[in-house]
N, C-alpha and C. Protein backbone atom coordinates (compact mmCIF):
# COMPACT_ATOMS: atom_id res chain seq x y z
N MET A 1 94.33 -7.69 150.22
CA MET A 1 95.58 -7.63 150.96
C MET A 1 96.61 -6.74 150.27
N VAL A 2 96.53 -6.67 148.96
CA VAL A 2 97.48 -5.87 148.22
C VAL A 2 97.32 -4.39 148.58
N HIS A 3 96.07 -3.96 148.78
CA HIS A 3 95.80 -2.56 149.12
C HIS A 3 96.42 -2.19 150.47
N GLY A 4 96.40 -3.06 151.44
CA GLY A 4 96.99 -2.81 152.75
C GLY A 4 98.50 -2.71 152.68
N ASP A 5 99.14 -3.54 151.89
CA ASP A 5 100.59 -3.50 151.74
C ASP A 5 101.04 -2.18 151.09
N GLU A 6 100.22 -1.71 150.16
CA GLU A 6 100.55 -0.47 149.46
C GLU A 6 100.48 0.73 150.40
N SER A 7 99.49 0.80 151.25
CA SER A 7 99.38 1.93 152.18
C SER A 7 100.44 1.87 153.27
N SER A 8 100.82 0.68 153.69
CA SER A 8 101.88 0.59 154.70
C SER A 8 103.23 0.96 154.11
N SER A 9 103.48 0.63 152.86
CA SER A 9 104.76 1.02 152.25
C SER A 9 104.79 2.52 151.99
N ARG A 10 103.62 3.12 151.69
CA ARG A 10 103.55 4.57 151.50
C ARG A 10 103.83 5.27 152.83
N ALA A 11 103.28 4.78 153.91
CA ALA A 11 103.51 5.36 155.24
C ALA A 11 104.98 5.22 155.63
N LEU A 12 105.56 4.07 155.28
CA LEU A 12 106.98 3.87 155.58
C LEU A 12 107.84 4.85 154.79
N GLY A 13 107.50 5.11 153.52
CA GLY A 13 108.24 6.07 152.70
C GLY A 13 108.13 7.48 153.25
N GLN A 14 106.93 7.86 153.72
CA GLN A 14 106.75 9.19 154.31
C GLN A 14 107.54 9.32 155.60
N ALA A 15 107.58 8.27 156.40
CA ALA A 15 108.35 8.30 157.65
C ALA A 15 109.84 8.45 157.36
N ARG A 16 110.32 7.77 156.33
CA ARG A 16 111.74 7.90 155.97
C ARG A 16 112.06 9.32 155.51
N ARG A 17 111.18 9.90 154.67
CA ARG A 17 111.42 11.26 154.21
C ARG A 17 111.44 12.24 155.37
N ARG A 18 110.51 12.08 156.31
CA ARG A 18 110.51 12.94 157.50
C ARG A 18 111.79 12.75 158.30
N GLY A 19 112.26 11.51 158.40
CA GLY A 19 113.51 11.24 159.11
C GLY A 19 114.70 11.91 158.42
N TYR A 20 114.74 11.83 157.08
CA TYR A 20 115.82 12.48 156.34
C TYR A 20 115.77 13.99 156.52
N LEU A 21 114.57 14.57 156.45
CA LEU A 21 114.41 16.01 156.63
C LEU A 21 114.84 16.43 158.03
N THR A 22 114.41 15.67 159.02
CA THR A 22 114.79 15.99 160.41
C THR A 22 116.30 15.90 160.59
N ASN A 23 116.89 14.83 160.08
CA ASN A 23 118.35 14.67 160.20
C ASN A 23 119.09 15.76 159.45
N GLY A 24 118.61 16.15 158.27
CA GLY A 24 119.24 17.22 157.51
C GLY A 24 119.17 18.55 158.25
N LEU A 25 118.01 18.86 158.82
CA LEU A 25 117.87 20.11 159.57
C LEU A 25 118.74 20.10 160.83
N LEU A 26 118.81 18.95 161.50
CA LEU A 26 119.69 18.85 162.67
C LEU A 26 121.16 19.04 162.28
N LEU A 27 121.56 18.46 161.16
CA LEU A 27 122.93 18.61 160.69
C LEU A 27 123.22 20.07 160.35
N LEU A 28 122.32 20.73 159.64
CA LEU A 28 122.49 22.13 159.29
C LEU A 28 122.56 23.01 160.54
N GLY A 29 121.67 22.77 161.49
CA GLY A 29 121.69 23.54 162.74
C GLY A 29 122.97 23.32 163.52
N SER A 30 123.46 22.08 163.54
CA SER A 30 124.70 21.77 164.26
C SER A 30 125.91 22.47 163.62
N VAL A 31 125.96 22.47 162.30
CA VAL A 31 127.06 23.12 161.60
C VAL A 31 127.03 24.63 161.86
N LEU A 32 125.84 25.23 161.76
CA LEU A 32 125.73 26.67 162.02
C LEU A 32 126.10 27.00 163.46
N PHE A 33 125.67 26.19 164.41
CA PHE A 33 126.02 26.41 165.81
C PHE A 33 127.53 26.30 166.01
N ALA A 34 128.16 25.29 165.41
CA ALA A 34 129.61 25.12 165.53
C ALA A 34 130.35 26.31 164.93
N LEU A 35 129.87 26.82 163.79
CA LEU A 35 130.52 27.99 163.18
C LEU A 35 130.39 29.22 164.07
N LEU A 36 129.23 29.42 164.67
CA LEU A 36 129.04 30.57 165.57
C LEU A 36 129.93 30.46 166.81
N VAL A 37 130.01 29.28 167.39
CA VAL A 37 130.87 29.09 168.56
C VAL A 37 132.33 29.30 168.17
N GLY A 38 132.76 28.76 167.02
CA GLY A 38 134.13 28.94 166.56
C GLY A 38 134.45 30.40 166.31
N GLU A 39 133.51 31.13 165.71
CA GLU A 39 133.72 32.56 165.46
C GLU A 39 133.87 33.31 166.78
N GLY A 40 133.03 32.97 167.76
CA GLY A 40 133.13 33.62 169.07
C GLY A 40 134.46 33.35 169.75
N ILE A 41 134.94 32.13 169.66
CA ILE A 41 136.23 31.79 170.26
C ILE A 41 137.36 32.54 169.56
N ILE A 42 137.34 32.57 168.23
CA ILE A 42 138.40 33.26 167.49
C ILE A 42 138.38 34.75 167.80
N ARG A 43 137.20 35.36 167.87
CA ARG A 43 137.12 36.79 168.18
C ARG A 43 137.59 37.09 169.59
N THR A 44 137.44 36.15 170.50
CA THR A 44 137.89 36.35 171.88
C THR A 44 139.39 36.12 172.01
N VAL A 45 139.88 35.05 171.43
CA VAL A 45 141.29 34.67 171.58
C VAL A 45 142.21 35.49 170.69
N GLN A 46 141.82 35.70 169.44
CA GLN A 46 142.68 36.41 168.47
C GLN A 46 141.87 37.49 167.75
N PRO A 47 141.53 38.59 168.44
CA PRO A 47 140.71 39.62 167.78
C PRO A 47 141.49 40.33 166.69
N GLN A 48 140.79 40.78 165.68
CA GLN A 48 141.40 41.51 164.58
C GLN A 48 141.03 42.98 164.71
N ASP A 49 141.99 43.85 164.37
CA ASP A 49 141.68 45.27 164.29
C ASP A 49 140.72 45.48 163.13
N LEU A 50 139.76 46.35 163.32
CA LEU A 50 138.91 46.71 162.20
C LEU A 50 139.74 47.55 161.24
N GLY A 51 139.49 47.41 159.99
CA GLY A 51 140.28 48.14 159.00
C GLY A 51 140.14 49.64 159.16
N ASN A 52 141.25 50.34 159.13
CA ASN A 52 141.22 51.80 159.19
C ASN A 52 141.78 52.39 157.90
N TRP A 53 141.71 51.62 156.84
CA TRP A 53 142.16 52.11 155.54
C TRP A 53 141.35 51.43 154.45
N THR A 54 141.49 51.94 153.27
CA THR A 54 140.83 51.37 152.10
C THR A 54 141.83 51.36 150.96
N TYR A 55 141.51 50.68 149.90
CA TYR A 55 142.40 50.59 148.75
C TYR A 55 141.73 51.21 147.52
N THR A 56 142.51 51.91 146.70
CA THR A 56 142.00 52.42 145.44
C THR A 56 142.08 51.30 144.41
N ARG A 57 141.48 51.53 143.25
CA ARG A 57 141.54 50.49 142.22
C ARG A 57 142.95 50.29 141.69
N ASP A 58 143.86 51.26 141.95
CA ASP A 58 145.25 51.14 141.54
C ASP A 58 146.11 50.46 142.59
N GLY A 59 145.51 50.11 143.72
CA GLY A 59 146.25 49.42 144.77
C GLY A 59 146.85 50.33 145.83
N LEU A 60 146.57 51.64 145.76
CA LEU A 60 147.08 52.56 146.78
C LEU A 60 146.28 52.38 148.07
N THR A 61 146.96 52.52 149.18
CA THR A 61 146.31 52.42 150.48
C THR A 61 145.97 53.81 150.98
N LEU A 62 144.72 54.02 151.34
CA LEU A 62 144.27 55.32 151.84
C LEU A 62 143.56 55.12 153.17
N HIS A 63 143.79 56.07 154.09
CA HIS A 63 143.00 56.07 155.32
C HIS A 63 141.59 56.51 155.00
N LEU A 64 140.63 56.02 155.76
CA LEU A 64 139.26 56.44 155.59
C LEU A 64 139.11 57.87 156.09
N PRO A 65 138.36 58.73 155.40
CA PRO A 65 138.21 60.11 155.86
C PRO A 65 137.32 60.21 157.09
N ASN A 66 137.60 61.23 157.92
CA ASN A 66 136.81 61.54 159.12
C ASN A 66 136.64 60.32 160.02
N MET A 67 137.71 59.61 160.27
CA MET A 67 137.67 58.40 161.07
C MET A 67 138.35 58.63 162.42
N THR A 68 137.77 58.08 163.44
CA THR A 68 138.41 58.05 164.76
C THR A 68 138.36 56.61 165.23
N GLN A 69 139.52 56.04 165.53
CA GLN A 69 139.58 54.64 165.95
C GLN A 69 140.73 54.46 166.92
N PHE A 70 140.51 53.66 167.94
CA PHE A 70 141.58 53.33 168.87
C PHE A 70 142.30 52.09 168.37
N SER A 71 143.61 52.18 168.26
CA SER A 71 144.42 51.05 167.82
C SER A 71 144.91 50.30 169.05
N SER A 72 144.31 49.16 169.31
CA SER A 72 144.75 48.37 170.46
C SER A 72 146.15 47.80 170.23
N ARG A 73 146.51 47.63 168.97
CA ARG A 73 147.84 47.09 168.64
C ARG A 73 148.95 48.05 169.04
N PHE A 74 148.73 49.37 168.82
CA PHE A 74 149.76 50.35 169.13
C PHE A 74 149.41 51.22 170.33
N GLY A 75 148.21 51.09 170.87
CA GLY A 75 147.86 51.75 172.12
C GLY A 75 147.56 53.23 172.02
N HIS A 76 147.06 53.71 170.88
CA HIS A 76 146.68 55.11 170.78
C HIS A 76 145.56 55.28 169.76
N LYS A 77 145.00 56.47 169.74
CA LYS A 77 143.87 56.77 168.87
C LYS A 77 144.37 57.25 167.50
N ILE A 78 143.72 56.78 166.44
CA ILE A 78 144.01 57.21 165.08
C ILE A 78 142.84 58.08 164.63
N VAL A 79 143.13 59.32 164.27
CA VAL A 79 142.11 60.27 163.82
C VAL A 79 142.53 60.80 162.45
N THR A 80 141.60 60.80 161.49
CA THR A 80 141.89 61.34 160.16
C THR A 80 140.97 62.52 159.85
N ASN A 81 141.44 63.40 158.96
CA ASN A 81 140.64 64.54 158.54
C ASN A 81 139.77 64.15 157.34
N SER A 82 139.14 65.13 156.72
CA SER A 82 138.22 64.84 155.61
C SER A 82 138.94 64.32 154.37
N ALA A 83 140.25 64.50 154.28
CA ALA A 83 141.04 63.98 153.16
C ALA A 83 141.64 62.62 153.48
N GLY A 84 141.39 62.09 154.68
CA GLY A 84 141.96 60.80 155.06
C GLY A 84 143.38 60.91 155.56
N MET A 85 143.85 62.10 155.87
CA MET A 85 145.21 62.31 156.37
C MET A 85 145.18 62.38 157.89
N ARG A 86 146.25 61.92 158.51
CA ARG A 86 146.35 61.99 159.97
C ARG A 86 146.91 63.35 160.36
N ASP A 87 146.08 64.36 160.21
CA ASP A 87 146.48 65.72 160.50
C ASP A 87 145.21 66.54 160.68
N HIS A 88 145.37 67.82 161.06
CA HIS A 88 144.20 68.69 161.17
C HIS A 88 143.71 69.05 159.77
N GLU A 89 142.56 69.69 159.68
CA GLU A 89 142.01 70.08 158.38
C GLU A 89 142.91 71.13 157.72
N HIS A 90 143.10 70.99 156.43
CA HIS A 90 143.89 71.93 155.65
C HIS A 90 143.04 72.52 154.55
N ASP A 91 143.28 73.78 154.22
CA ASP A 91 142.61 74.40 153.09
C ASP A 91 143.21 73.83 151.81
N LEU A 92 142.36 73.51 150.85
CA LEU A 92 142.86 72.91 149.61
C LEU A 92 143.64 73.90 148.76
N THR A 93 143.31 75.18 148.85
CA THR A 93 144.08 76.17 148.10
C THR A 93 145.29 76.58 148.93
N LYS A 94 146.45 76.55 148.30
CA LYS A 94 147.71 76.86 148.99
C LYS A 94 147.89 78.37 149.09
N ALA A 95 148.20 78.82 150.29
CA ALA A 95 148.46 80.25 150.50
C ALA A 95 149.83 80.61 149.94
N PRO A 96 150.04 81.85 149.50
CA PRO A 96 151.35 82.26 148.98
C PRO A 96 152.43 82.12 150.06
N GLY A 97 153.58 81.64 149.67
CA GLY A 97 154.69 81.48 150.60
C GLY A 97 154.64 80.20 151.41
N VAL A 98 153.67 79.36 151.16
CA VAL A 98 153.54 78.10 151.89
C VAL A 98 154.08 76.99 151.01
N TYR A 99 154.90 76.14 151.59
CA TYR A 99 155.43 74.99 150.87
C TYR A 99 154.78 73.73 151.41
N ARG A 100 154.40 72.85 150.52
CA ARG A 100 153.82 71.57 150.91
C ARG A 100 154.80 70.48 150.53
N ILE A 101 155.02 69.57 151.45
CA ILE A 101 155.99 68.50 151.24
C ILE A 101 155.26 67.17 151.29
N LEU A 102 155.46 66.35 150.30
CA LEU A 102 154.88 65.02 150.24
C LEU A 102 155.92 64.02 150.74
N VAL A 103 155.54 63.22 151.71
CA VAL A 103 156.44 62.21 152.26
C VAL A 103 155.91 60.84 151.85
N LEU A 104 156.73 60.06 151.18
CA LEU A 104 156.37 58.71 150.77
C LEU A 104 157.18 57.72 151.58
N GLY A 105 156.57 56.60 151.90
CA GLY A 105 157.32 55.59 152.64
C GLY A 105 156.45 54.40 153.00
N ASP A 106 156.98 53.58 153.88
CA ASP A 106 156.28 52.37 154.29
C ASP A 106 155.26 52.69 155.39
N SER A 107 154.77 51.66 156.06
CA SER A 107 153.71 51.85 157.05
C SER A 107 154.15 52.70 158.23
N LEU A 108 155.44 52.77 158.53
CA LEU A 108 155.89 53.62 159.61
C LEU A 108 155.62 55.08 159.28
N TRP A 109 155.75 55.43 158.02
CA TRP A 109 155.49 56.81 157.61
C TRP A 109 154.01 57.13 157.60
N LYS A 110 153.16 56.12 157.56
CA LYS A 110 151.73 56.38 157.66
C LYS A 110 151.38 56.80 159.08
N ARG A 111 152.33 56.69 159.97
CA ARG A 111 152.21 57.12 161.36
C ARG A 111 151.18 56.32 162.14
N ILE A 112 150.91 55.10 161.72
CA ILE A 112 149.99 54.28 162.49
C ILE A 112 150.60 53.94 163.84
N ARG A 113 151.91 53.76 163.86
CA ARG A 113 152.58 53.38 165.10
C ARG A 113 152.84 54.58 166.01
N LEU A 114 152.65 55.79 165.49
CA LEU A 114 152.94 57.00 166.26
C LEU A 114 151.65 57.73 166.60
N THR A 115 151.65 58.44 167.72
CA THR A 115 150.52 59.30 168.01
C THR A 115 150.61 60.52 167.11
N SER A 116 149.51 61.23 166.96
CA SER A 116 149.51 62.38 166.05
C SER A 116 150.35 63.52 166.56
N LYS A 117 150.72 63.53 167.86
CA LYS A 117 151.53 64.60 168.41
C LYS A 117 153.03 64.34 168.26
N MET A 118 153.42 63.13 167.88
CA MET A 118 154.84 62.81 167.74
C MET A 118 155.35 63.32 166.39
N PRO A 119 156.46 64.03 166.38
CA PRO A 119 157.01 64.49 165.09
C PRO A 119 157.62 63.32 164.33
N LEU A 120 157.81 63.51 163.04
CA LEU A 120 158.40 62.46 162.23
C LEU A 120 159.82 62.12 162.65
N GLN A 121 160.51 63.04 163.35
CA GLN A 121 161.87 62.75 163.80
C GLN A 121 161.86 61.62 164.83
N ALA A 122 160.72 61.37 165.44
CA ALA A 122 160.64 60.32 166.46
C ALA A 122 160.75 58.94 165.84
N CYS A 123 160.65 58.85 164.51
CA CYS A 123 160.76 57.57 163.84
C CYS A 123 162.17 57.07 163.98
C-alpha cells in the first residue's frame, strides 16, 4: 500500500507543477497583451512626434542630416541638408566676399515652427 500512496503523491506533485506553469504562462501572456493594448491606445490617443534631432555628448541639440519629416504639431515639412541645417546645401569652403552669420537662440530660432521659406523676420 505504501507504494501506491507514493505514486499518487508523485502524480499530484506533477499536476500541481503543471498547474503553476500554466498559470504563470497565462499571467505572462495576459500582462504582455495588456501592455500591447495599452501601447496601441496611447499611440492612438496621444501620438508622439518621432525625434527629428539628436544630442551630442556635450548636450548640444542637432538636427539629423538629410532628414525629411512632416511635423504634425506645426503643420509643415522639416527638411535638413547633409550638415543637419534647415537650409539648402552649402559649400564648406567660403567664397571670397561672403559673410557667414551664426544665429544662436531657443527652439524658435531652430525654425521648427516655421516653414523653410519663411524669413527669420517672421519670428
